Amino acid sequence: MSNRFILSLITAAVLTGCGGSSTSDSAAETPAPTPTPPQSTTTTTATTGVITGFGSVFVNGVEYETDATTITTDDNDGASETDLQVGMVVTLSGEVNEDGSTGNASAIHYDEQLKGPVESIDLFANTITILGQTIVFDDLTSFENLVLADLNPGDILEISGYFNADGDLYATRIEKETEQTRLKIQARITALDTVNKTFELKGLTIDYSAAIFKDFVEADLADGQQVRVKGDYSALTAGVLVISEIKLKDKNESHDEGDNRHVEGFITDFESSSSFKVDGIAIIIDDNTEFKYGDASALKVNVSVKIKGEFNADGALVAKKIRIENKTNLKVEGAIEAINLDLSTVTVLGVEFEINNQTKMKDESDDDERFFDLVDLAIGDFVELKGFVDSEGKNIATKVQRENADENAEVELKGKVSNIENFSFSLVGVTVTTDANTKFEGTSGDDVSQATFFEQLENDMLVEAEGQLIDGIYVAQKVEIEEHDDDDDSSDSENNRTEFKGIVEAINEDTLIVSGHQVLTSQTTKFKVDDERVSAELFWSVVAIDDQLEIKGTIDQQGIITAKSIEL
């Protein structure tokens, strides 16, 4: 239940208590005419954005009531609010109230962008490959029915998200399916062959000879179009998917001057900070554009933004407000020590986070509150907080997740290092101590000694720690230098670390082909089979086609992996 809803109930109760009638003579007097209340102003608005919470539905910072809303999904024209989940990207039409933070939704529709089997996973690069598409995830991605570290090639995933300028799909939500289902892919057409009725989507060959066309006709097919196709799992054979349905997904919206629009996504087609596209919509800014968490100088390709604006006579969206989505590089887990409803803050491990109407709110505890908000939290609740530091030094929560408390649970921290001293350092204002039992992972991804770790450690490095509070002191069980800080352009380096899971496709002496990647080994490569260290000779004698491997090493720009360790 939201703060706004509770406030309205309190207000109603107070007004009711003050409105009783009197038994004095004045009751017989002719009552004065009741003044006409001022009419609230609403603005009809179309919205595309991520669901961040329920009470009824929060999208792009607006709480929409859904009592009279038509809700549909790709597979269900008669869906209800319970079919919607935090992290889903939806299209919504409705009215926004004058306060700009509440409204009423007339219609909400959800389409996943991708559904199919995992081909490979890179846990260091935070990428998954499905049906040839690269899916990028991060600390804000919502995961359903899966633990990321347990994800394996062959698992069927449903992905909701939006595309960046590189054509990769950023996942706002990933759900693991319990059974093989119909495959769904959204991407841009290449290699269209109208004679053989095929084209490619991210390298996957699509046979559309038996497909039903939705909202357009076969003759309109063209290279470069963004389409969404469906086909049965059994219709995928040898890299060819025979589809049953195809729908055009290119933006073809019609707007009148003055129409309002809310949009969320990555900046693409960047000409300048005052002219670019988001989700296929042309955006311009002017002197009246208001910015949150940044300014116009922060606008560039692949920056994530939320925009509220109004269309001009030329069909471009003039941005009234732009919220720049800063990278989530803070993480704190632990029991809540303080809550301030007036300031909308929560304190864990002495660290205060500010929560707002854009914060993703999810209850993963046994309470399983769907309408989960700040007022549902209590002192002692175990939560995971993720966010960033704004220009004023405040910790802004981008995600709050309540979990079941466990006395022996590891408490995780993530942030920029400071105050390095005597084998300890600070993260997010928390002093992290290490000892002989702490495991250390250095800049190269290798296990290192305590002394080597602190030789490599520098202030402002991004570090993740797992540990426990012992008598009020945070003692780390594992610390890892996250060399791939989100602010760094690590793609420019010749080699990058990888923690890769994939399927063996070919074996050639001391090299492998794993999920399309050539894997090189050397005399220093370490081998494991089912968690047990084995010799190279034993590994090569048992590894076979279709085996699943987990590889740690480096990957170059051609996708060639040099393995430091391989586990079967």
Protein backbone atom coordinates (compact mmCIF):
# COMPACT_ATOMS: atom_id res chain seq x y z
CA MET A 1 0.00 0.00 0.00
CA SER A 2 1.45 3.39 -0.96
CA ASN A 3 2.08 6.41 1.26
CA ARG A 4 -0.28 8.44 -0.86
CA PHE A 5 -3.12 5.96 -0.35
CA ILE A 6 -2.59 5.86 3.41
CA LEU A 7 -2.49 9.66 3.54
CA SER A 8 -5.80 9.84 1.70
CA LEU A 9 -7.40 7.46 4.22
CA ILE A 10 -6.12 9.53 7.15
CA THR A 11 -7.37 12.72 5.54
CA ALA A 12 -10.80 11.17 4.93
CA ALA A 13 -11.01 10.01 8.55
CA VAL A 14 -10.13 13.47 9.89
CA LEU A 15 -12.66 15.16 7.65
CA THR A 16 -15.36 12.68 8.69
CA GLY A 17 -14.62 13.29 12.39
CA CYS A 18 -14.90 17.05 11.93
CA GLY A 19 -18.09 16.94 9.92
CA GLY A 20 -20.71 15.91 12.52
CA SER A 21 -24.00 17.89 12.70
CA SER A 22 -24.98 20.23 15.57
CA THR A 23 -28.24 20.11 17.56
CA SER A 24 -28.28 23.90 18.12
CA ASP A 25 -30.81 26.28 16.54
CA SER A 26 -28.39 26.91 13.76
CA ALA A 27 -29.29 23.47 12.43
CA ALA A 28 -32.70 24.83 11.50
CA GLU A 29 -31.25 27.63 9.49
CA THR A 30 -31.12 27.36 5.74
CA PRO A 31 -27.71 25.81 4.95
CA ALA A 32 -25.36 27.89 2.88
CA PRO A 33 -24.83 26.62 -0.65
CA THR A 34 -21.96 24.16 -0.86
CA PRO A 35 -19.18 25.68 -2.94
CA THR A 36 -18.27 23.80 -6.07
CA PRO A 37 -14.93 22.08 -5.51
CA PRO A 38 -12.20 22.96 -7.97
CA GLN A 39 -11.92 20.51 -10.83
CA SER A 40 -8.71 18.51 -10.84
CA THR A 41 -6.70 18.71 -14.02
CA THR A 42 -5.61 15.55 -15.81
CA THR A 43 -3.49 15.06 -18.89
CA THR A 44 -3.98 12.21 -21.34
CA THR A 45 -0.60 10.50 -21.64
CA ALA A 46 0.93 7.50 -23.42
CA THR A 47 3.75 5.78 -21.52
CA THR A 48 6.38 3.14 -22.18
CA GLY A 49 8.35 2.09 -19.13
CA VAL A 50 9.30 -0.45 -16.48
CA ILE A 51 6.96 -1.46 -13.67
CA THR A 52 8.74 -0.55 -10.43
CA GLY A 53 6.01 -1.47 -7.94
CA PHE A 54 2.35 -2.01 -7.24
CA GLY A 55 -0.24 0.08 -5.46
CA SER A 56 -1.84 0.06 -8.07
CA VAL A 57 0.95 0.15 -10.76
CA PHE A 58 4.05 2.35 -10.71
CA VAL A 59 5.57 3.19 -14.12
CA ASN A 60 8.08 6.01 -14.75
CA GLY A 61 7.41 7.57 -11.35
CA VAL A 62 3.61 7.70 -11.68
CA GLU A 63 1.23 5.60 -9.59
CA TYR A 64 -1.65 4.55 -11.86
CA GLU A 65 -4.94 3.27 -10.48
CA THR A 66 -6.11 0.17 -12.34
CA ASP A 67 -9.70 -0.34 -11.14
CA ALA A 68 -11.05 0.25 -14.67
CA THR A 69 -8.01 -0.74 -16.70
CA THR A 70 -7.98 -3.12 -19.65
CA ILE A 71 -4.87 -5.29 -19.19
CA THR A 72 -3.51 -7.49 -21.96
CA THR A 73 -0.37 -9.54 -22.53
CA ASP A 74 1.01 -11.13 -25.64
CA ASP A 75 -0.72 -14.41 -24.80
CA ASN A 76 -3.78 -13.17 -22.91
CA ASP A 77 -6.23 -10.48 -24.03
CA GLY A 78 -8.11 -10.83 -20.75
CA ALA A 79 -5.21 -10.49 -18.32
CA SER A 80 -5.39 -8.90 -14.87
CA GLU A 81 -3.02 -6.89 -12.71
CA THR A 82 -1.73 -10.10 -11.12
CA ASP A 83 -0.27 -11.07 -14.52
CA LEU A 84 2.03 -8.04 -14.31
CA GLN A 85 5.32 -8.14 -12.38
CA VAL A 86 8.04 -5.74 -11.26
CA GLY A 87 10.60 -5.32 -14.04
CA MET A 88 8.24 -5.79 -16.97
CA VAL A 89 8.40 -3.17 -19.74
CA VAL A 90 4.81 -2.15 -20.54
CA THR A 91 2.97 0.27 -22.78
CA LEU A 92 0.29 2.23 -20.94
CA SER A 93 -2.35 4.76 -21.85
CA GLY A 94 -4.27 6.85 -19.35
CA GLU A 95 -4.47 10.14 -17.56
CA VAL A 96 -1.91 11.74 -15.26
CA ASN A 97 -3.14 14.05 -12.51
CA GLU A 98 -1.95 17.60 -11.99
CA ASP A 99 0.48 16.47 -9.26
CA GLY A 100 2.40 14.50 -11.93
CA SER A 101 2.78 11.49 -9.65
CA THR A 102 -0.69 9.86 -9.71
CA GLY A 103 -3.10 8.92 -12.46
CA ASN A 104 -5.53 6.42 -13.91
CA ALA A 105 -4.58 3.82 -16.53
CA SER A 106 -7.14 2.99 -19.20
CA ALA A 107 -5.03 0.24 -20.83
CA ILE A 108 -1.78 -1.63 -20.08
CA HIS A 109 -0.09 -4.08 -22.45
CA TYR A 110 2.92 -6.34 -21.91
CA ASP A 111 5.06 -8.10 -24.53
CA GLU A 112 8.29 -9.90 -23.67
CA GLN A 113 11.10 -9.15 -26.11
CA LEU A 114 12.69 -12.60 -26.12
CA LYS A 115 11.94 -16.15 -25.03
CA GLY A 116 14.26 -19.06 -25.73
CA PRO A 117 17.03 -21.40 -24.56
CA VAL A 118 20.30 -20.11 -23.10
CA GLU A 119 23.30 -20.72 -25.35
CA SER A 120 25.98 -19.25 -23.10
CA ILE A 121 26.48 -17.10 -20.01
CA ASP A 122 29.29 -14.73 -19.08
CA LEU A 123 28.94 -13.91 -15.40
CA PHE A 124 31.80 -11.42 -15.48
CA ALA A 125 30.57 -9.46 -18.50
CA ASN A 126 26.95 -9.79 -17.25
CA THR A 127 25.73 -11.16 -20.57
CA ILE A 128 23.62 -14.10 -21.73
CA THR A 129 23.27 -15.33 -25.30
CA ILE A 130 19.86 -16.62 -26.44
CA LEU A 131 19.01 -17.44 -30.06
CA GLY A 132 22.02 -15.40 -31.20
CA GLN A 133 20.99 -12.31 -29.21
CA THR A 134 23.15 -10.74 -26.51
CA ILE A 135 21.24 -9.96 -23.32
CA VAL A 136 22.85 -7.55 -20.87
CA PHE A 137 21.86 -7.57 -17.20
CA ASP A 138 22.93 -5.65 -14.09
CA ASP A 139 22.09 -5.02 -10.44
CA LEU A 140 18.71 -3.53 -11.39
CA THR A 141 17.53 -6.55 -13.38
CA SER A 142 14.68 -8.43 -11.68
CA PHE A 143 15.18 -12.21 -11.57
CA GLU A 144 12.25 -14.61 -11.25
CA ASN A 145 12.49 -18.36 -10.56
CA LEU A 146 16.26 -18.44 -10.87
CA VAL A 147 19.53 -17.93 -9.07
CA LEU A 148 21.94 -16.35 -11.51
CA ALA A 149 24.94 -18.46 -10.50
CA ASP A 150 22.87 -21.63 -11.11
CA LEU A 151 21.82 -20.63 -14.63
CA ASN A 152 22.86 -23.20 -17.24
CA PRO A 153 22.92 -23.49 -21.03
CA GLY A 154 19.62 -24.92 -22.21
CA ASP A 155 17.50 -23.18 -19.58
CA ILE A 156 14.49 -21.41 -21.10
CA LEU A 157 14.28 -17.72 -20.22
CA GLU A 158 11.73 -14.98 -20.82
CA ILE A 159 13.34 -11.55 -21.18
CA SER A 160 11.68 -8.16 -20.84
CA GLY A 161 13.72 -5.05 -21.54
CA TYR A 162 14.74 -2.51 -24.15
CA PHE A 163 17.44 -2.29 -26.80
CA ASN A 164 20.57 -0.17 -26.64
CA ALA A 165 22.31 1.58 -29.53
CA ASP A 166 24.34 -1.56 -30.25
CA GLY A 167 21.22 -3.66 -30.74
CA ASP A 168 21.80 -5.62 -27.52
CA LEU A 169 18.81 -6.27 -25.28
CA TYR A 170 19.12 -4.83 -21.77
CA ALA A 171 17.07 -7.05 -19.47
CA THR A 172 14.89 -5.31 -16.92
CA ARG A 173 13.42 -8.70 -15.97
CA ILE A 174 14.53 -12.31 -16.52
CA GLU A 175 12.23 -15.21 -15.72
CA LYS A 176 13.13 -18.88 -15.94
CA GLU A 177 10.43 -20.99 -17.59
CA THR A 178 9.64 -24.41 -16.15
CA GLU A 179 8.97 -26.04 -19.53
CA GLN A 180 9.78 -25.68 -23.20
CA THR A 181 7.42 -23.12 -24.71
CA ARG A 182 6.91 -21.14 -27.87
CA LEU A 183 10.01 -19.18 -28.83
CA LYS A 184 9.79 -15.41 -29.31
CA ILE A 185 12.39 -13.08 -30.80
CA GLN A 186 12.45 -9.33 -31.46
CA ALA A 187 15.26 -7.92 -33.62
CA ARG A 188 16.01 -6.19 -36.93
CA ILE A 189 15.78 -8.05 -40.24
CA THR A 190 18.92 -8.75 -42.24
CA ALA A 191 19.59 -10.92 -45.33
CA LEU A 192 15.94 -10.89 -46.48
CA ASP A 193 15.36 -13.55 -49.18
CA THR A 194 11.87 -13.15 -50.64
CA VAL A 195 12.34 -16.11 -52.99
CA ASN A 196 13.08 -18.67 -50.27
CA LYS A 197 11.01 -16.70 -47.73
CA THR A 198 13.78 -16.38 -45.15
CA PHE A 199 15.62 -13.65 -43.30
CA GLU A 200 17.99 -13.43 -40.35
CA LEU A 201 17.54 -12.06 -36.85
CA LYS A 202 20.91 -11.66 -35.11
CA GLY A 203 22.31 -14.52 -37.21
CA LEU A 204 19.38 -16.88 -36.63
CA THR A 205 17.70 -17.90 -39.89
CA ILE A 206 13.94 -17.34 -39.89
CA ASP A 207 11.67 -19.27 -42.27
CA TYR A 208 8.47 -17.23 -42.65
CA SER A 209 6.85 -19.33 -45.40
CA ALA A 210 3.99 -20.41 -43.13
CA ALA A 211 3.77 -17.32 -40.93
CA ILE A 212 0.71 -15.19 -40.24
CA PHE A 213 1.44 -11.47 -40.66
CA LYS A 214 0.08 -9.18 -37.94
CA ASP A 215 -0.70 -5.52 -38.73
CA PHE A 216 1.26 -5.59 -42.02
CA VAL A 217 1.62 -7.74 -45.12
CA GLU A 218 4.38 -9.90 -46.55
CA ALA A 219 5.06 -7.47 -49.38
CA ASP A 220 6.08 -4.82 -46.82
CA LEU A 221 8.98 -6.88 -45.44
CA ALA A 222 12.34 -5.09 -45.71
CA ASP A 223 15.83 -5.29 -44.32
CA GLY A 224 16.29 -3.09 -41.26
CA GLN A 225 12.74 -3.49 -39.97
CA GLN A 226 12.35 -4.43 -36.31
CA VAL A 227 10.00 -7.39 -36.09
CA ARG A 228 8.79 -9.82 -33.45
CA VAL A 229 8.38 -13.45 -34.43
CA LYS A 230 7.02 -16.59 -32.76
CA GLY A 231 7.65 -20.24 -33.41
CA ASP A 232 7.32 -23.53 -31.57
CA TYR A 233 10.38 -24.84 -29.73
CA SER A 234 10.21 -27.96 -31.91
CA ALA A 235 10.37 -25.75 -35.03
CA LEU A 236 14.00 -24.79 -34.28
CA THR A 237 16.31 -27.12 -36.19
CA ALA A 238 19.95 -26.68 -37.21
CA GLY A 239 19.89 -22.92 -36.72
CA VAL A 240 16.62 -22.38 -38.62
CA LEU A 241 13.37 -21.39 -36.90
CA VAL A 242 10.12 -21.93 -38.80
CA ILE A 243 7.83 -19.23 -37.40
CA SER A 244 4.06 -19.17 -37.08
CA GLU A 245 3.60 -15.41 -36.59
CA ILE A 246 5.39 -12.14 -37.40
CA LYS A 247 4.57 -8.63 -36.23
CA LEU A 248 6.16 -5.29 -37.16
CA LYS A 249 7.61 -3.57 -34.07
CA ASP A 250 9.02 -0.38 -35.63
CA LYS A 251 7.58 2.73 -34.02
CA ASN A 252 4.72 3.95 -36.17
CA GLU A 253 2.91 6.16 -33.70
CA SER A 254 0.77 9.07 -34.84
CA HIS A 255 0.84 12.19 -32.68
CA ASP A 256 -0.88 15.53 -32.65
CA GLU A 257 0.87 18.66 -31.52
CA GLY A 258 0.51 18.94 -27.75
CA ASP A 259 0.13 15.19 -27.10
CA ASN A 260 1.95 14.03 -23.96
CA ARG A 261 4.36 11.08 -23.87
CA HIS A 262 6.48 9.36 -21.22
CA VAL A 263 9.30 7.16 -22.51
CA GLU A 264 12.14 5.16 -20.98
CA GLY A 265 15.20 3.61 -22.59
CA PHE A 266 18.68 4.14 -23.97
CA ILE A 267 19.73 7.12 -26.05
CA THR A 268 20.29 6.08 -29.67
CA ASP A 269 20.80 7.95 -32.96
CA PHE A 270 22.65 10.65 -31.04
CA GLU A 271 23.24 13.88 -33.00
CA SER A 272 23.78 16.21 -30.05
CA SER A 273 22.66 16.67 -26.47
CA SER A 274 19.62 18.49 -27.83
CA SER A 275 18.68 16.01 -30.58
CA PHE A 276 18.60 12.21 -30.22
CA LYS A 277 16.23 9.25 -30.08
CA VAL A 278 14.90 7.07 -27.27
CA ASP A 279 12.87 3.96 -28.13
CA GLY A 280 12.63 5.20 -31.71
CA ILE A 281 11.13 8.57 -30.70
CA ALA A 282 12.90 11.79 -31.71
CA ILE A 283 13.72 13.86 -28.61
CA ILE A 284 14.70 17.52 -28.41
CA ILE A 285 15.50 19.62 -25.37
CA ASP A 286 15.21 23.36 -24.83
CA ASP A 287 15.91 25.94 -22.16
CA ASN A 288 12.85 24.80 -20.19
CA THR A 289 13.90 21.15 -19.90
CA GLU A 290 14.35 20.10 -16.26
CA PHE A 291 17.03 17.53 -15.38
CA LYS A 292 17.25 15.09 -12.47
CA TYR A 293 20.56 13.47 -11.41
CA GLY A 294 22.59 15.20 -14.09
CA ASP A 295 22.45 17.77 -16.85
CA ALA A 296 22.63 18.00 -20.65
CA SER A 297 26.37 17.26 -20.62
CA ALA A 298 25.61 13.72 -19.40
CA LEU A 299 23.54 12.90 -22.49
CA LYS A 300 25.29 10.56 -24.95
CA VAL A 301 24.81 7.26 -26.74
CA ASN A 302 23.64 4.39 -24.51
CA VAL A 303 22.87 6.57 -21.51
CA SER A 304 19.64 5.35 -19.90
CA VAL A 305 16.99 8.04 -19.39
CA LYS A 306 13.36 8.56 -18.45
CA ILE A 307 11.68 11.40 -20.33
CA LYS A 308 8.38 13.23 -19.95
CA GLY A 309 7.42 15.62 -22.69
CA GLU A 310 5.02 16.98 -25.30
CA PHE A 311 5.04 16.56 -29.07
CA ASN A 312 5.61 19.60 -31.25
CA ALA A 313 4.22 20.32 -34.72
CA ASP A 314 7.13 18.43 -36.34
CA GLY A 315 6.40 15.21 -34.44
CA ALA A 316 9.41 15.46 -32.10
CA LEU A 317 9.00 15.04 -28.36
CA VAL A 318 10.04 18.22 -26.52
CA ALA A 319 11.38 17.02 -23.18
CA LYS A 320 9.93 18.76 -20.16
CA LYS A 321 11.71 16.50 -17.66
CA ILE A 322 14.68 14.14 -18.10
CA ARG A 323 15.79 11.77 -15.36
CA ILE A 324 19.26 10.38 -16.03
CA GLU A 325 19.51 6.80 -14.80
CA ASN A 326 22.87 6.65 -13.04
CA LYS A 327 24.76 3.36 -12.90
CA THR A 328 23.87 1.27 -9.86
CA ASN A 329 27.21 0.75 -8.11
CA LEU A 330 26.19 0.61 -4.44
CA LYS A 331 24.88 -2.44 -2.63
CA VAL A 332 24.17 -2.96 1.06
CA GLU A 333 22.48 -5.94 2.71
CA GLY A 334 21.38 -6.23 6.30
CA ALA A 335 18.73 -5.55 8.91
CA ILE A 336 16.96 -2.19 8.86
CA GLU A 337 18.15 0.00 11.72
CA ALA A 338 16.03 3.10 11.05
CA ILE A 339 13.13 4.28 8.87
CA ASN A 340 12.14 7.91 8.32
CA LEU A 341 8.79 8.16 6.54
CA ASP A 342 8.96 11.96 6.36
CA LEU A 343 12.29 11.88 4.51
CA SER A 344 11.59 8.52 2.81
CA THR A 345 14.86 7.01 4.04
CA VAL A 346 16.00 3.60 5.27
CA THR A 347 19.22 2.95 7.20
CA VAL A 348 21.17 -0.34 7.09
CA LEU A 349 24.64 -0.87 8.62
CA GLY A 350 24.65 2.84 9.38
CA VAL A 351 24.17 3.69 5.70
CA GLU A 352 21.14 5.83 4.80
CA PHE A 353 19.38 5.40 1.44
CA GLU A 354 16.70 7.69 0.03
CA ILE A 355 13.69 5.94 -1.55
CA ASN A 356 11.51 7.63 -4.17
CA ASN A 357 8.64 6.80 -6.51
CA GLN A 358 11.12 5.50 -9.12
CA THR A 359 12.68 2.91 -6.76
CA LYS A 360 12.02 -0.72 -7.65
CA MET A 361 10.21 -2.27 -4.68
CA LYS A 362 9.94 -6.05 -4.32
CA ASP A 363 9.14 -8.36 -1.41
CA GLU A 364 10.94 -11.72 -1.68
CA SER A 365 10.32 -12.64 1.97
CA ASP A 366 7.71 -15.09 3.19
CA ASP A 367 5.35 -12.10 3.65
CA ASP A 368 5.26 -11.80 -0.16
CA GLU A 369 3.54 -8.41 -0.15
CA ARG A 370 2.53 -7.49 -3.69
CA PHE A 371 1.58 -3.91 -2.81
CA PHE A 372 4.96 -3.35 -1.23
CA ASP A 373 6.05 0.15 -0.25
CA LEU A 374 8.19 1.99 2.28
CA VAL A 375 5.41 1.85 4.89
CA ASP A 376 5.46 -1.96 4.74
CA LEU A 377 9.04 -2.08 6.03
CA ALA A 378 9.86 -2.40 9.72
CA ILE A 379 12.92 -2.12 11.93
CA GLY A 380 14.74 -5.46 11.80
CA ASP A 381 13.57 -6.45 8.31
CA PHE A 382 16.40 -7.92 6.24
CA VAL A 383 16.72 -5.99 2.97
CA GLU A 384 18.98 -5.61 -0.01
CA LEU A 385 19.47 -1.99 -1.08
CA LYS A 386 21.04 -0.99 -4.40
CA GLY A 387 21.62 2.48 -5.74
CA PHE A 388 24.04 5.29 -6.51
CA VAL A 389 25.48 8.47 -4.97
CA ASP A 390 23.98 11.70 -6.34
CA SER A 391 25.77 15.02 -6.78
CA GLU A 392 24.86 16.03 -3.21
CA GLY A 393 26.42 12.89 -1.74
CA LYS A 394 23.07 11.21 -0.99
CA ASN A 395 22.65 7.47 -1.49
CA ILE A 396 19.67 7.10 -3.86
CA ALA A 397 17.99 3.68 -3.79
CA THR A 398 17.21 2.27 -7.22
CA LYS A 399 16.08 -1.07 -5.80
CA VAL A 400 14.77 -2.27 -2.43
CA GLN A 401 14.19 -5.98 -1.92
CA ARG A 402 13.02 -7.50 1.36
CA GLU A 403 14.27 -11.02 2.05
CA ASN A 404 13.98 -13.61 4.80
CA ALA A 405 16.42 -12.98 7.63
CA ASP A 406 19.04 -15.67 8.26
CA GLU A 407 21.33 -15.44 11.27
CA ASN A 408 24.12 -17.01 9.24
CA ALA A 409 23.37 -15.11 6.04
CA GLU A 410 26.26 -13.49 4.24
CA VAL A 411 25.95 -9.73 4.09
CA GLU A 412 27.03 -8.23 0.78
CA LEU A 413 28.49 -4.79 0.13
CA LYS A 414 29.46 -3.11 -3.11
CA GLY A 415 30.94 0.31 -3.69
CA LYS A 416 34.00 2.48 -4.22
CA VAL A 417 36.93 1.78 -1.91
CA SER A 418 38.31 4.36 0.53
CA ASN A 419 40.38 4.43 3.73
CA ILE A 420 42.70 1.51 2.93
CA GLU A 421 44.63 0.67 6.09
CA ASN A 422 46.01 -2.43 7.90
CA PHE A 423 44.30 -5.00 5.66
CA SER A 424 40.97 -3.18 5.95
CA PHE A 425 39.09 -0.59 3.87
CA SER A 426 35.76 1.20 3.67
CA LEU A 427 32.83 0.46 1.33
CA VAL A 428 29.72 2.67 1.35
CA GLY A 429 30.90 4.02 4.69
CA VAL A 430 31.23 0.54 6.25
CA THR A 431 34.65 -0.61 7.48
CA VAL A 432 35.50 -3.99 5.94
CA THR A 433 38.04 -6.07 7.86
CA THR A 434 39.85 -9.10 6.42
CA ASP A 435 41.71 -11.96 8.07
CA ALA A 436 43.41 -15.27 7.33
CA ASN A 437 40.06 -16.88 6.43
CA THR A 438 39.12 -14.25 3.81
CA LYS A 439 39.28 -15.29 0.14
CA PHE A 440 40.71 -12.65 -2.18
CA GLU A 441 40.17 -12.15 -5.93
CA GLY A 442 42.51 -9.68 -7.57
CA THR A 443 42.37 -7.48 -10.65
CA SER A 444 43.03 -10.39 -13.02
CA GLY A 445 40.23 -12.50 -11.56
CA ASP A 446 42.68 -14.93 -9.98
CA ASP A 447 42.68 -15.99 -6.36
CA VAL A 448 45.45 -14.06 -4.62
CA SER A 449 46.92 -13.70 -1.16
CA GLN A 450 45.90 -11.02 1.29
CA ALA A 451 49.18 -9.19 0.73
CA THR A 452 48.85 -9.26 -3.08
CA PHE A 453 45.23 -8.09 -2.91
CA PHE A 454 46.13 -5.03 -0.86
CA GLU A 455 49.08 -4.29 -3.15
CA GLN A 456 46.61 -4.11 -6.06
CA LEU A 457 43.85 -2.29 -4.16
CA GLU A 458 43.50 1.46 -4.75
CA ASN A 459 41.05 4.09 -3.57
CA ASP A 460 37.96 4.49 -5.82
CA MET A 461 38.23 0.94 -7.16
CA LEU A 462 34.87 -0.83 -7.36
CA VAL A 463 34.90 -3.75 -4.90
CA GLU A 464 32.33 -6.32 -3.82
CA ALA A 465 32.49 -7.99 -0.41
CA GLU A 466 30.68 -10.89 1.22
CA GLY A 467 30.90 -11.31 4.96
CA GLN A 468 29.23 -11.32 8.35
CA LEU A 469 28.72 -8.94 11.23
CA ILE A 470 30.56 -10.32 14.25
CA ASP A 471 30.05 -8.28 17.43
CA GLY A 472 29.24 -5.26 15.27
CA ILE A 473 32.35 -5.60 13.10
CA TYR A 474 32.04 -6.48 9.41
CA VAL A 475 34.41 -9.39 8.69
CA ALA A 476 34.78 -10.28 5.01
CA GLN A 477 34.68 -13.90 3.90
CA LYS A 478 35.37 -12.92 0.29
CA VAL A 479 36.41 -9.70 -1.42
CA GLU A 480 36.65 -9.15 -5.16
CA ILE A 481 38.02 -6.26 -7.18
CA GLU A 482 35.43 -5.43 -9.82
CA GLU A 483 37.88 -4.22 -12.46
CA HIS A 484 35.03 -3.65 -14.96
CA ASP A 485 33.68 -0.48 -13.32
CA ASP A 486 30.60 0.65 -15.23
CA ASP A 487 32.23 4.03 -15.81
CA ASP A 488 35.17 2.45 -17.65
CA ASP A 489 35.10 1.55 -21.32
CA SER A 490 36.66 -1.88 -20.90
CA SER A 491 35.56 -2.87 -24.40
CA ASP A 492 38.55 -0.93 -25.74
CA SER A 493 41.07 -3.21 -24.06
CA GLU A 494 42.61 -6.07 -26.02
CA ASN A 495 41.57 -8.76 -23.55
CA ASN A 496 38.76 -8.85 -20.99
CA ARG A 497 38.04 -11.22 -18.14
CA THR A 498 35.31 -13.78 -18.65
CA GLU A 499 33.45 -16.30 -16.51
CA PHE A 500 31.82 -18.21 -19.32
CA LYS A 501 29.35 -21.10 -19.33
CA GLY A 502 28.65 -22.88 -22.61
CA ILE A 503 28.19 -26.15 -24.49
CA VAL A 504 31.04 -28.04 -26.20
CA GLU A 505 30.51 -28.03 -29.97
CA ALA A 506 33.91 -29.28 -31.17
CA ILE A 507 37.15 -30.69 -29.71
CA ASN A 508 40.47 -30.19 -31.51
CA GLU A 509 43.54 -31.43 -29.62
CA ASP A 510 44.12 -28.76 -26.95
CA THR A 511 41.39 -26.36 -28.16
CA LEU A 512 37.61 -26.35 -27.90
CA ILE A 513 34.65 -24.69 -29.56
CA VAL A 514 32.21 -23.77 -26.79
CA SER A 515 28.91 -22.09 -27.74
CA GLY A 516 30.52 -20.52 -30.79
CA HIS A 517 33.73 -19.41 -29.05
CA GLN A 518 37.19 -20.84 -29.67
CA VAL A 519 38.76 -21.78 -26.33
CA LEU A 520 42.54 -21.98 -26.10
CA THR A 521 44.35 -23.85 -23.33
CA SER A 522 47.98 -23.88 -22.20
CA GLN A 523 50.28 -25.68 -19.79
CA THR A 524 49.10 -23.36 -17.00
CA THR A 525 45.36 -24.01 -17.54
CA LYS A 526 43.75 -25.65 -14.52
CA PHE A 527 41.15 -28.38 -15.05
CA LYS A 528 38.30 -29.59 -12.86
CA VAL A 529 35.63 -32.28 -13.23
CA ASP A 530 32.65 -31.95 -10.87
CA ASP A 531 34.51 -29.60 -8.52
CA GLU A 532 37.55 -31.89 -8.29
CA ARG A 533 40.96 -30.80 -9.62
CA VAL A 534 42.17 -33.24 -12.34
CA SER A 535 45.12 -33.53 -14.70
CA ALA A 536 44.96 -32.20 -18.24
CA GLU A 537 45.24 -35.77 -19.54
CA LEU A 538 42.21 -36.90 -17.55
CA PHE A 539 40.17 -33.87 -18.60
CA TRP A 540 40.84 -34.40 -22.31
CA SER A 541 40.00 -38.09 -21.98
CA VAL A 542 36.50 -37.43 -20.59
CA VAL A 543 35.32 -34.16 -22.21
CA ALA A 544 32.80 -34.74 -25.03
CA ILE A 545 30.51 -32.95 -27.46
CA ASP A 546 27.44 -31.42 -25.75
CA ASP A 547 29.15 -31.30 -22.35
CA GLN A 548 28.67 -28.12 -20.34
CA LEU A 549 31.81 -26.22 -19.36
CA GLU A 550 32.52 -23.30 -17.05
CA ILE A 551 35.57 -21.34 -18.17
CA LYS A 552 37.49 -18.55 -16.46
CA GLY A 553 40.01 -16.58 -18.45
CA THR A 554 40.18 -13.73 -20.93
CA ILE A 555 38.24 -13.06 -24.11
CA ASP A 556 39.54 -10.92 -26.96
CA GLN A 557 37.65 -8.76 -29.43
CA GLN A 558 37.26 -11.70 -31.82
CA GLY A 559 35.59 -13.74 -29.09
CA ILE A 560 38.55 -16.11 -28.60
CA ILE A 561 38.84 -17.26 -24.99
CA THR A 562 42.18 -18.04 -23.37
CA ALA A 563 41.35 -20.32 -20.45
CA LYS A 564 42.94 -20.03 -17.03
CA SER A 565 40.60 -22.72 -15.69
CA ILE A 566 38.02 -25.07 -17.18
CA GLU A 567 35.48 -27.08 -15.21
CA LEU A 568 33.37 -29.89 -16.64
